[in-house]
Amino acid sequence: MDSFRVFYDFNSLNAHLKGKGSDISVGLIPTMGALHSGHLSLIERGLKENDFAVVTIFVNPKQFNNTSDLKTYPRTLDADLEILAAYHGLYACIPKEEDVYPDNDNYKEPDLGILDQVLEGKYRPGHFQGVAHVVYNLFCLIQANKAYFGLKDFQQFAVIKQMVKNTGLHIELVGSPTIRNDEGLALSSRNEKLSYAQKNQALIIYKTLRFVLENKNTWSYSELKSNAIAYFNEGDLDLEYLDIVNAESFSPVGDKTNEKAVCCISAYCDKIRLIDNALL
């Protein structure tokens, strides 16, 4: 199997993949770099389920509604490539912005329903249209069979599913469970910014999700939400939102329902914004 290789444009990557034969399967793992164990779990699954895997590293400017957040987003390309070099059958693609968004870009914004209006959509206006745009273009520019995403960004995965449905793209989407540290903190590029003390404070997010899961059959959803907010506020973080919504549409859930639900949390640890979720 091929050793790890790096490509800086889509044409050379696709030419290399084409040379592997017409019947190969390719798994795509889109990232913005600053790789951690969560990313590696997606890469390893992509390699296991396909002949080859491609990981893209591209900090997408269209999904940042805060310019300072874009400027401070961690960029650790050398370290990322050193990590990826250990894998065989894996290729990294590190495109330029003008390659991801070419002059002849024919992307049309899909109707995301309320997905880009509630929770993350409400507090980060334009974010999900930026996500949908970059993922659509990557799917068109790299002809993969499957694409892998972590479910820590659960609403984002719902957006991508809706975009694929609306646009008719033929690709299988694979959502993988959130990878956590030994204490339960979800691994993410933003969480890497936390100090040791802040990581301990941030555990209130995981503890609250556990509280919700342990009590989901005790109270109605509205009671569960109120009690979970009270539980969370015993900690040191500033809560932005905590809500329980339909896991597919993100519409409100009723108290007398068996519909699949998800509890989503966003909070600030000092100036660092953290998100997490749990399926009920």
C-alpha atoms as a PDB file:
ATOM      1  CA  MET A   1       0.000   0.000   0.000  1.00  0.00           C
ATOM      2  CA  ASP A   2       1.150   3.537  -0.772  1.00  0.00           C
ATOM      3  CA  SER A   3       3.126   5.572   1.705  1.00  0.00           C
ATOM      4  CA  PHE A   4       1.683   8.856   2.882  1.00  0.00           C
ATOM      5  CA  ARG A   5       1.761  11.644   0.283  1.00  0.00           C
ATOM      6  CA  VAL A   6       0.925  15.359   0.282  1.00  0.00           C
ATOM      7  CA  PHE A   7      -0.843  17.175  -2.569  1.00  0.00           C
ATOM      8  CA  TYR A   8      -1.355  20.914  -2.844  1.00  0.00           C
ATOM      9  CA  ASP A   9      -3.990  20.943  -5.583  1.00  0.00           C
ATOM     10  CA  PHE A  10      -6.958  18.810  -6.569  1.00  0.00           C
ATOM     11  CA  ASN A  11      -5.782  17.985 -10.088  1.00  0.00           C
ATOM     12  CA  SER A  12      -2.623  16.206  -8.964  1.00  0.00           C
ATOM     13  CA  LEU A  13      -4.505  14.397  -6.200  1.00  0.00           C
ATOM     14  CA  ASN A  14      -7.228  13.188  -8.569  1.00  0.00           C
ATOM     15  CA  ALA A  15      -4.673  12.154 -11.190  1.00  0.00           C
ATOM     16  CA  HIS A  16      -2.896  10.057  -8.583  1.00  0.00           C
ATOM     17  CA  LEU A  17      -6.166   8.457  -7.445  1.00  0.00           C
ATOM     18  CA  LYS A  18      -7.214   7.784 -11.021  1.00  0.00           C
ATOM     19  CA  GLY A  19      -3.942   5.942 -11.531  1.00  0.00           C
ATOM     20  CA  LYS A  20      -4.952   3.523  -8.791  1.00  0.00           C
ATOM     21  CA  GLY A  21      -7.786   2.149 -10.912  1.00  0.00           C
ATOM     22  CA  SER A  22     -11.446   2.831 -11.598  1.00  0.00           C
ATOM     23  CA  ASP A  23     -12.827   0.516  -8.946  1.00  0.00           C
ATOM     24  CA  ILE A  24     -11.063   1.837  -5.845  1.00  0.00           C
ATOM     25  CA  SER A  25     -12.960   3.271  -2.892  1.00  0.00           C
ATOM     26  CA  VAL A  26     -11.894   6.563  -1.315  1.00  0.00           C
ATOM     27  CA  GLY A  27     -12.792   7.947   2.089  1.00  0.00           C
ATOM     28  CA  LEU A  28     -12.653  11.714   2.634  1.00  0.00           C
ATOM     29  CA  ILE A  29     -11.973  13.369   5.984  1.00  0.00           C
ATOM     30  CA  PRO A  30     -12.366  17.173   5.732  1.00  0.00           C
ATOM     31  CA  THR A  31     -10.516  19.056   8.501  1.00  0.00           C
ATOM     32  CA  MET A  32      -9.227  22.507   9.338  1.00  0.00           C
ATOM     33  CA  GLY A  33      -6.046  21.056  10.771  1.00  0.00           C
ATOM     34  CA  ALA A  34      -4.841  21.240  14.386  1.00  0.00           C
ATOM     35  CA  LEU A  35      -5.326  17.485  14.376  1.00  0.00           C
ATOM     36  CA  HIS A  36      -6.106  15.512  17.526  1.00  0.00           C
ATOM     37  CA  SER A  37      -7.232  11.996  18.429  1.00  0.00           C
ATOM     38  CA  GLY A  38     -10.762  12.719  17.246  1.00  0.00           C
ATOM     39  CA  HIS A  39      -9.505  13.415  13.737  1.00  0.00           C
ATOM     40  CA  LEU A  40      -7.268  10.354  13.837  1.00  0.00           C
ATOM     41  CA  SER A  41     -10.214   8.118  14.714  1.00  0.00           C
ATOM     42  CA  LEU A  42     -11.962   9.362  11.562  1.00  0.00           C
ATOM     43  CA  ILE A  43      -8.854   8.798   9.462  1.00  0.00           C
ATOM     44  CA  GLU A  44      -8.373   5.287  10.807  1.00  0.00           C
ATOM     45  CA  ARG A  45     -12.008   4.433  10.128  1.00  0.00           C
ATOM     46  CA  GLY A  46     -11.709   5.891   6.622  1.00  0.00           C
ATOM     47  CA  LEU A  47      -8.660   3.746   5.923  1.00  0.00           C
ATOM     48  CA  LYS A  48     -10.322   0.641   7.334  1.00  0.00           C
ATOM     49  CA  GLU A  49     -13.470   1.032   5.241  1.00  0.00           C
ATOM     50  CA  ASN A  50     -11.848   2.124   1.953  1.00  0.00           C
ATOM     51  CA  ASP A  51      -8.866   1.377  -0.260  1.00  0.00           C
ATOM     52  CA  PHE A  52      -7.473   4.862   0.311  1.00  0.00           C
ATOM     53  CA  ALA A  53      -8.309   7.932   2.376  1.00  0.00           C
ATOM     54  CA  VAL A  54      -7.827  11.647   1.806  1.00  0.00           C
ATOM     55  CA  VAL A  55      -7.622  14.179   4.608  1.00  0.00           C
ATOM     56  CA  THR A  56      -8.004  17.812   3.607  1.00  0.00           C
ATOM     57  CA  ILE A  57      -6.501  20.605   5.684  1.00  0.00           C
ATOM     58  CA  PHE A  58      -8.127  23.934   4.910  1.00  0.00           C
ATOM     59  CA  VAL A  59      -9.113  26.677   7.340  1.00  0.00           C
ATOM     60  CA  ASN A  60     -12.348  27.756   5.708  1.00  0.00           C
ATOM     61  CA  PRO A  61     -12.848  31.541   5.944  1.00  0.00           C
ATOM     62  CA  LYS A  62     -16.508  31.342   4.893  1.00  0.00           C
ATOM     63  CA  GLN A  63     -17.593  29.603   8.098  1.00  0.00           C
ATOM     64  CA  PHE A  64     -16.161  32.206  10.479  1.00  0.00           C
ATOM     65  CA  ASN A  65     -18.616  34.942  11.394  1.00  0.00           C
ATOM     66  CA  ASN A  66     -15.962  36.383  13.731  1.00  0.00           C
ATOM     67  CA  THR A  67     -12.818  37.609  11.955  1.00  0.00           C
ATOM     68  CA  SER A  68     -10.738  37.512  15.137  1.00  0.00           C
ATOM     69  CA  ASP A  69     -11.723  33.856  15.589  1.00  0.00           C
ATOM     70  CA  LEU A  70     -10.427  33.149  12.082  1.00  0.00           C
ATOM     71  CA  LYS A  71      -7.132  34.897  12.824  1.00  0.00           C
ATOM     72  CA  THR A  72      -6.570  33.003  16.071  1.00  0.00           C
ATOM     73  CA  TYR A  73      -7.688  29.575  14.827  1.00  0.00           C
ATOM     74  CA  PRO A  74      -4.807  27.174  15.562  1.00  0.00           C
ATOM     75  CA  ARG A  75      -2.633  26.358  12.567  1.00  0.00           C
ATOM     76  CA  THR A  76      -0.206  23.510  13.182  1.00  0.00           C
ATOM     77  CA  LEU A  77       0.535  22.250   9.683  1.00  0.00           C
ATOM     78  CA  ASP A  78       4.033  20.891  10.334  1.00  0.00           C
ATOM     79  CA  ALA A  79       2.850  18.946  13.379  1.00  0.00           C
ATOM     80  CA  ASP A  80      -0.222  17.730  11.494  1.00  0.00           C
ATOM     81  CA  LEU A  81       1.837  16.364   8.610  1.00  0.00           C
ATOM     82  CA  GLU A  82       4.223  14.662  11.008  1.00  0.00           C
ATOM     83  CA  ILE A  83       1.272  12.846  12.574  1.00  0.00           C
ATOM     84  CA  LEU A  84      -0.233  11.878   9.217  1.00  0.00           C
ATOM     85  CA  ALA A  85       3.069  10.559   7.855  1.00  0.00           C
ATOM     86  CA  ALA A  86       2.666   7.421   9.963  1.00  0.00           C
ATOM     87  CA  TYR A  87      -0.301   6.227   7.869  1.00  0.00           C
ATOM     88  CA  HIS A  88      -0.135   4.182   4.671  1.00  0.00           C
ATOM     89  CA  GLY A  89      -2.761   4.591   1.989  1.00  0.00           C
ATOM     90  CA  LEU A  90      -3.467   8.119   3.257  1.00  0.00           C
ATOM     91  CA  TYR A  91      -3.087  11.299   1.239  1.00  0.00           C
ATOM     92  CA  ALA A  92      -3.238  14.864   2.520  1.00  0.00           C
ATOM     93  CA  CYS A  93      -4.607  17.636   0.334  1.00  0.00           C
ATOM     94  CA  ILE A  94      -3.730  21.194   1.353  1.00  0.00           C
ATOM     95  CA  PRO A  95      -5.449  23.421  -1.218  1.00  0.00           C
ATOM     96  CA  LYS A  96      -5.339  27.180  -1.651  1.00  0.00           C
ATOM     97  CA  GLU A  97      -8.491  29.230  -1.160  1.00  0.00           C
ATOM     98  CA  GLU A  98      -8.757  30.004  -4.873  1.00  0.00           C
ATOM     99  CA  ASP A  99      -8.749  26.262  -5.594  1.00  0.00           C
ATOM    100  CA  VAL A 100     -11.546  25.537  -3.117  1.00  0.00           C
ATOM    101  CA  TYR A 101     -13.563  28.516  -4.385  1.00  0.00           C
ATOM    102  CA  PRO A 102     -12.709  28.821  -8.105  1.00  0.00           C
ATOM    103  CA  ASP A 103     -13.962  31.617 -10.352  1.00  0.00           C
ATOM    104  CA  ASN A 104     -16.417  29.215 -12.001  1.00  0.00           C
ATOM    105  CA  ASP A 105     -17.878  28.116  -8.654  1.00  0.00           C
ATOM    106  CA  ASN A 106     -21.475  27.106  -9.400  1.00  0.00           C
ATOM    107  CA  TYR A 107     -22.526  26.550  -5.784  1.00  0.00           C
ATOM    108  CA  LYS A 108     -26.055  27.614  -4.879  1.00  0.00           C
ATOM    109  CA  GLU A 109     -27.072  27.940  -1.249  1.00  0.00           C
ATOM    110  CA  PRO A 110     -29.374  25.065  -0.239  1.00  0.00           C
ATOM    111  CA  ASP A 111     -32.459  25.498   1.892  1.00  0.00           C
ATOM    112  CA  LEU A 112     -31.391  24.335   5.338  1.00  0.00           C
ATOM    113  CA  GLY A 113     -34.769  24.882   6.956  1.00  0.00           C
ATOM    114  CA  ILE A 114     -34.340  25.934  10.569  1.00  0.00           C
ATOM    115  CA  LEU A 115     -30.957  24.215  10.869  1.00  0.00           C
ATOM    116  CA  ASP A 116     -29.082  27.464  10.264  1.00  0.00           C
ATOM    117  CA  GLN A 117     -31.463  29.530  12.412  1.00  0.00           C
ATOM    118  CA  VAL A 118     -31.414  27.755  15.780  1.00  0.00           C
ATOM    119  CA  LEU A 119     -28.679  27.000  18.336  1.00  0.00           C
ATOM    120  CA  GLU A 120     -25.365  27.274  16.449  1.00  0.00           C
ATOM    121  CA  GLY A 121     -27.169  28.857  13.512  1.00  0.00           C
ATOM    122  CA  LYS A 122     -28.631  31.547  15.763  1.00  0.00           C
ATOM    123  CA  TYR A 123     -25.412  32.404  17.563  1.00  0.00           C
ATOM    124  CA  ARG A 124     -23.129  32.067  14.535  1.00  0.00           C
ATOM    125  CA  PRO A 125     -25.090  33.608  11.632  1.00  0.00           C
ATOM    126  CA  GLY A 126     -23.785  32.518   8.235  1.00  0.00           C
ATOM    127  CA  HIS A 127     -21.642  29.780   9.758  1.00  0.00           C
ATOM    128  CA  PHE A 128     -23.557  26.821   8.396  1.00  0.00           C
ATOM    129  CA  GLN A 129     -23.919  28.234   4.894  1.00  0.00           C
ATOM    130  CA  GLY A 130     -20.127  28.555   4.939  1.00  0.00           C
ATOM    131  CA  VAL A 131     -19.794  24.952   6.087  1.00  0.00           C
ATOM    132  CA  ALA A 132     -22.249  23.703   3.470  1.00  0.00           C
ATOM    133  CA  HIS A 133     -20.398  25.610   0.749  1.00  0.00           C
ATOM    134  CA  VAL A 134     -16.927  24.284   1.523  1.00  0.00           C
ATOM    135  CA  VAL A 135     -18.118  20.705   2.004  1.00  0.00           C
ATOM    136  CA  TYR A 136     -20.122  20.794  -1.242  1.00  0.00           C
ATOM    137  CA  ASN A 137     -17.096  22.049  -3.149  1.00  0.00           C
ATOM    138  CA  LEU A 138     -14.789  19.456  -1.566  1.00  0.00           C
ATOM    139  CA  PHE A 139     -17.244  16.704  -2.462  1.00  0.00           C
ATOM    140  CA  CYS A 140     -17.290  17.933  -6.071  1.00  0.00           C
ATOM    141  CA  LEU A 141     -13.524  18.431  -6.303  1.00  0.00           C
ATOM    142  CA  ILE A 142     -12.569  15.114  -4.688  1.00  0.00           C
ATOM    143  CA  GLN A 143     -14.565  12.159  -5.943  1.00  0.00           C
ATOM    144  CA  ALA A 144     -14.816  10.162  -2.739  1.00  0.00           C
ATOM    145  CA  ASN A 145     -17.190   7.324  -1.910  1.00  0.00           C
ATOM    146  CA  LYS A 146     -17.604   8.183   1.763  1.00  0.00           C
ATOM    147  CA  ALA A 147     -17.006  11.224   3.942  1.00  0.00           C
ATOM    148  CA  TYR A 148     -16.337  11.082   7.671  1.00  0.00           C
ATOM    149  CA  PHE A 149     -17.338  13.589  10.348  1.00  0.00           C
ATOM    150  CA  GLY A 150     -17.224  13.635  14.127  1.00  0.00           C
ATOM    151  CA  LEU A 151     -20.564  13.934  15.912  1.00  0.00           C
ATOM    152  CA  LYS A 152     -19.283  16.460  18.446  1.00  0.00           C
ATOM    153  CA  ASP A 153     -20.468  18.956  15.823  1.00  0.00           C
ATOM    154  CA  PHE A 154     -23.848  17.232  15.682  1.00  0.00           C
ATOM    155  CA  GLN A 155     -25.760  20.148  14.172  1.00  0.00           C
ATOM    156  CA  GLN A 156     -23.071  20.584  11.533  1.00  0.00           C
ATOM    157  CA  PHE A 157     -23.489  16.939  10.521  1.00  0.00           C
ATOM    158  CA  ALA A 158     -27.246  17.497  10.207  1.00  0.00           C
ATOM    159  CA  VAL A 159     -26.549  20.505   7.966  1.00  0.00           C
ATOM    160  CA  ILE A 160     -24.234  18.480   5.735  1.00  0.00           C
ATOM    161  CA  LYS A 161     -26.823  15.698   5.441  1.00  0.00           C
ATOM    162  CA  GLN A 162     -29.445  18.250   4.440  1.00  0.00           C
ATOM    163  CA  MET A 163     -27.088  19.858   1.903  1.00  0.00           C
ATOM    164  CA  VAL A 164     -26.324  16.488   0.305  1.00  0.00           C
ATOM    165  CA  LYS A 165     -30.020  15.643   0.162  1.00  0.00           C
ATOM    166  CA  ASN A 166     -30.903  18.990  -1.421  1.00  0.00           C
ATOM    167  CA  THR A 167     -28.098  18.971  -3.983  1.00  0.00           C
ATOM    168  CA  GLY A 168     -28.327  15.322  -4.984  1.00  0.00           C
ATOM    169  CA  LEU A 169     -24.659  14.553  -4.457  1.00  0.00           C
ATOM    170  CA  HIS A 170     -23.827  10.847  -4.419  1.00  0.00           C
ATOM    171  CA  ILE A 171     -21.669  10.257  -1.368  1.00  0.00           C
ATOM    172  CA  GLU A 172     -22.170   8.258   1.814  1.00  0.00           C
ATOM    173  CA  LEU A 173     -21.918  10.317   4.999  1.00  0.00           C
ATOM    174  CA  VAL A 174     -20.487   8.633   8.079  1.00  0.00           C
ATOM    175  CA  GLY A 175     -20.860  10.169  11.534  1.00  0.00           C
ATOM    176  CA  SER A 176     -18.516   8.883  14.231  1.00  0.00           C
ATOM    177  CA  PRO A 177     -19.006   9.184  18.009  1.00  0.00           C
ATOM    178  CA  THR A 178     -17.286  11.982  19.878  1.00  0.00           C
ATOM    179  CA  ILE A 179     -13.821  11.111  21.176  1.00  0.00           C
ATOM    180  CA  ARG A 180     -13.253  12.209  24.775  1.00  0.00           C
ATOM    181  CA  ASN A 181     -10.361  12.317  27.188  1.00  0.00           C
ATOM    182  CA  ASP A 182     -10.329  10.122  30.282  1.00  0.00           C
ATOM    183  CA  GLU A 183     -12.376  12.679  32.227  1.00  0.00           C
ATOM    184  CA  GLY A 184     -15.020  13.022  29.511  1.00  0.00           C
ATOM    185  CA  LEU A 185     -14.011  16.310  27.892  1.00  0.00           C
ATOM    186  CA  ALA A 186     -14.686  16.210  24.143  1.00  0.00           C
ATOM    187  CA  LEU A 187     -11.510  16.526  22.100  1.00  0.00           C
ATOM    188  CA  SER A 188     -11.470  19.518  19.772  1.00  0.00           C
ATOM    189  CA  SER A 189      -9.104  22.113  18.375  1.00  0.00           C
ATOM    190  CA  ARG A 190     -10.682  24.746  20.622  1.00  0.00           C
ATOM    191  CA  ASN A 191     -10.414  22.593  23.730  1.00  0.00           C
ATOM    192  CA  GLU A 192      -6.686  22.425  23.103  1.00  0.00           C
ATOM    193  CA  LYS A 193      -6.532  26.113  24.026  1.00  0.00           C
ATOM    194  CA  LEU A 194      -7.703  25.399  27.573  1.00  0.00           C
ATOM    195  CA  SER A 195      -5.314  25.445  30.506  1.00  0.00           C
ATOM    196  CA  TYR A 196      -5.299  22.551  32.957  1.00  0.00           C
ATOM    197  CA  ALA A 197      -7.535  24.485  35.357  1.00  0.00           C
ATOM    198  CA  GLN A 198      -9.886  25.476  32.541  1.00  0.00           C
ATOM    199  CA  LYS A 199     -10.191  21.874  31.375  1.00  0.00           C
ATOM    200  CA  ASN A 200     -11.356  20.940  34.847  1.00  0.00           C
ATOM    201  CA  GLN A 201     -13.897  23.774  34.778  1.00  0.00           C
ATOM    202  CA  ALA A 202     -15.073  22.705  31.321  1.00  0.00           C
ATOM    203  CA  LEU A 203     -15.976  19.238  32.618  1.00  0.00           C
ATOM    204  CA  ILE A 204     -19.287  20.732  33.789  1.00  0.00           C
ATOM    205  CA  ILE A 205     -20.408  20.370  30.165  1.00  0.00           C
ATOM    206  CA  TYR A 206     -19.863  16.604  30.172  1.00  0.00           C
ATOM    207  CA  LYS A 207     -21.258  16.270  33.692  1.00  0.00           C
ATOM    208  CA  THR A 208     -24.416  18.102  32.602  1.00  0.00           C
ATOM    209  CA  LEU A 209     -24.850  15.827  29.595  1.00  0.00           C
ATOM    210  CA  ARG A 210     -24.477  12.830  31.880  1.00  0.00           C
ATOM    211  CA  PHE A 211     -27.070  14.396  34.193  1.00  0.00           C
ATOM    212  CA  VAL A 212     -29.448  14.700  31.231  1.00  0.00           C
ATOM    213  CA  LEU A 213     -28.907  11.096  30.139  1.00  0.00           C
ATOM    214  CA  GLU A 214     -29.344   9.743  33.659  1.00  0.00           C
ATOM    215  CA  ASN A 215     -32.610  11.652  34.162  1.00  0.00           C
ATOM    216  CA  LYS A 216     -34.188  11.529  30.714  1.00  0.00           C
ATOM    217  CA  ASN A 217     -36.864   9.098  31.930  1.00  0.00           C
ATOM    218  CA  THR A 218     -37.500  10.976  35.183  1.00  0.00           C
ATOM    219  CA  TRP A 219     -38.851  14.293  33.882  1.00  0.00           C
ATOM    220  CA  SER A 220     -40.544  15.709  30.825  1.00  0.00           C
ATOM    221  CA  TYR A 221     -38.208  17.311  28.288  1.00  0.00           C
ATOM    222  CA  SER A 222     -39.099  20.817  29.470  1.00  0.00           C
ATOM    223  CA  GLU A 223     -38.431  19.861  33.097  1.00  0.00           C
ATOM    224  CA  LEU A 224     -35.249  18.065  32.113  1.00  0.00           C
ATOM    225  CA  LYS A 225     -34.020  21.144  30.278  1.00  0.00           C
ATOM    226  CA  SER A 226     -34.754  23.464  33.219  1.00  0.00           C
ATOM    227  CA  ASN A 227     -33.087  21.146  35.718  1.00  0.00           C
ATOM    228  CA  ALA A 228     -30.077  20.647  33.449  1.00  0.00           C
ATOM    229  CA  ILE A 229     -29.598  24.418  33.131  1.00  0.00           C
ATOM    230  CA  ALA A 230     -29.730  24.747  36.921  1.00  0.00           C
ATOM    231  CA  TYR A 231     -27.202  21.911  37.255  1.00  0.00           C
ATOM    232  CA  PHE A 232     -24.888  23.490  34.687  1.00  0.00           C
ATOM    233  CA  ASN A 233     -25.015  26.881  36.385  1.00  0.00           C
ATOM    234  CA  GLU A 234     -23.522  25.371  39.520  1.00  0.00           C
ATOM    235  CA  GLY A 235     -20.267  25.314  37.571  1.00  0.00           C
ATOM    236  CA  ASP A 236     -17.971  28.167  36.501  1.00  0.00           C
ATOM    237  CA  LEU A 237     -18.711  28.431  32.774  1.00  0.00           C
ATOM    238  CA  ASP A 238     -20.980  30.992  31.113  1.00  0.00           C
ATOM    239  CA  LEU A 239     -23.848  29.180  29.413  1.00  0.00           C
ATOM    240  CA  GLU A 240     -24.792  30.402  25.945  1.00  0.00           C
ATOM    241  CA  TYR A 241     -27.507  27.821  25.325  1.00  0.00           C
ATOM    242  CA  LEU A 242     -28.695  24.434  26.508  1.00  0.00           C
ATOM    243  CA  ASP A 243     -31.578  22.941  24.573  1.00  0.00           C
ATOM    244  CA  ILE A 244     -33.221  19.623  23.780  1.00  0.00           C
ATOM    245  CA  VAL A 245     -34.386  19.390  20.163  1.00  0.00           C
ATOM    246  CA  ASN A 246     -35.357  16.873  17.498  1.00  0.00           C
ATOM    247  CA  ALA A 247     -32.169  15.096  16.442  1.00  0.00           C
ATOM    248  CA  GLU A 248     -32.983  15.356  12.722  1.00  0.00           C
ATOM    249  CA  SER A 249     -34.794  18.652  12.168  1.00  0.00           C
ATOM    250  CA  PHE A 250     -33.632  20.537  15.290  1.00  0.00           C
ATOM    251  CA  SER A 251     -37.211  21.636  15.818  1.00  0.00           C
ATOM    252  CA  PRO A 252     -38.572  21.798  19.410  1.00  0.00           C
ATOM    253  CA  VAL A 253     -39.572  18.512  21.000  1.00  0.00           C
ATOM    254  CA  GLY A 254     -42.827  18.041  22.859  1.00  0.00           C
ATOM    255  CA  ASP A 255     -43.062  16.546  26.302  1.00  0.00           C
ATOM    256  CA  LYS A 256     -45.275  13.650  25.223  1.00  0.00           C
ATOM    257  CA  THR A 257     -43.243  12.248  22.357  1.00  0.00           C
ATOM    258  CA  ASN A 258     -40.998   9.353  21.477  1.00  0.00           C
ATOM    259  CA  GLU A 259     -39.087  11.276  18.830  1.00  0.00           C
ATOM    260  CA  LYS A 260     -35.318  11.020  18.755  1.00  0.00           C
ATOM    261  CA  ALA A 261     -33.845  13.985  20.607  1.00  0.00           C
ATOM    262  CA  VAL A 262     -30.437  15.532  21.239  1.00  0.00           C
ATOM    263  CA  CYS A 263     -29.277  17.791  24.046  1.00  0.00           C
ATOM    264  CA  CYS A 264     -26.907  20.503  22.800  1.00  0.00           C
ATOM    265  CA  ILE A 265     -24.788  22.831  24.915  1.00  0.00           C
ATOM    266  CA  SER A 266     -22.682  25.885  24.098  1.00  0.00           C
ATOM    267  CA  ALA A 267     -20.733  27.722  26.788  1.00  0.00           C
ATOM    268  CA  TYR A 268     -17.761  29.984  27.308  1.00  0.00           C
ATOM    269  CA  CYS A 269     -14.754  29.164  29.434  1.00  0.00           C
ATOM    270  CA  ASP A 270     -13.333  32.669  29.718  1.00  0.00           C
ATOM    271  CA  LYS A 271     -13.185  33.657  26.023  1.00  0.00           C
ATOM    272  CA  ILE A 272     -13.042  30.111  24.633  1.00  0.00           C
ATOM    273  CA  ARG A 273     -16.342  28.886  23.188  1.00  0.00           C
ATOM    274  CA  LEU A 274     -17.070  25.189  23.702  1.00  0.00           C
ATOM    275  CA  ILE A 275     -19.858  22.968  22.360  1.00  0.00           C
ATOM    276  CA  ASP A 276     -20.957  19.406  23.066  1.00  0.00           C
ATOM    277  CA  ASN A 277     -24.037  17.201  22.792  1.00  0.00           C
ATOM    278  CA  ALA A 278     -25.622  13.902  23.742  1.00  0.00           C
ATOM    279  CA  LEU A 279     -28.243  11.833  21.946  1.00  0.00           C
ATOM    280  CA  LEU A 280     -31.164  10.970  24.228  1.00  0.00           C
END
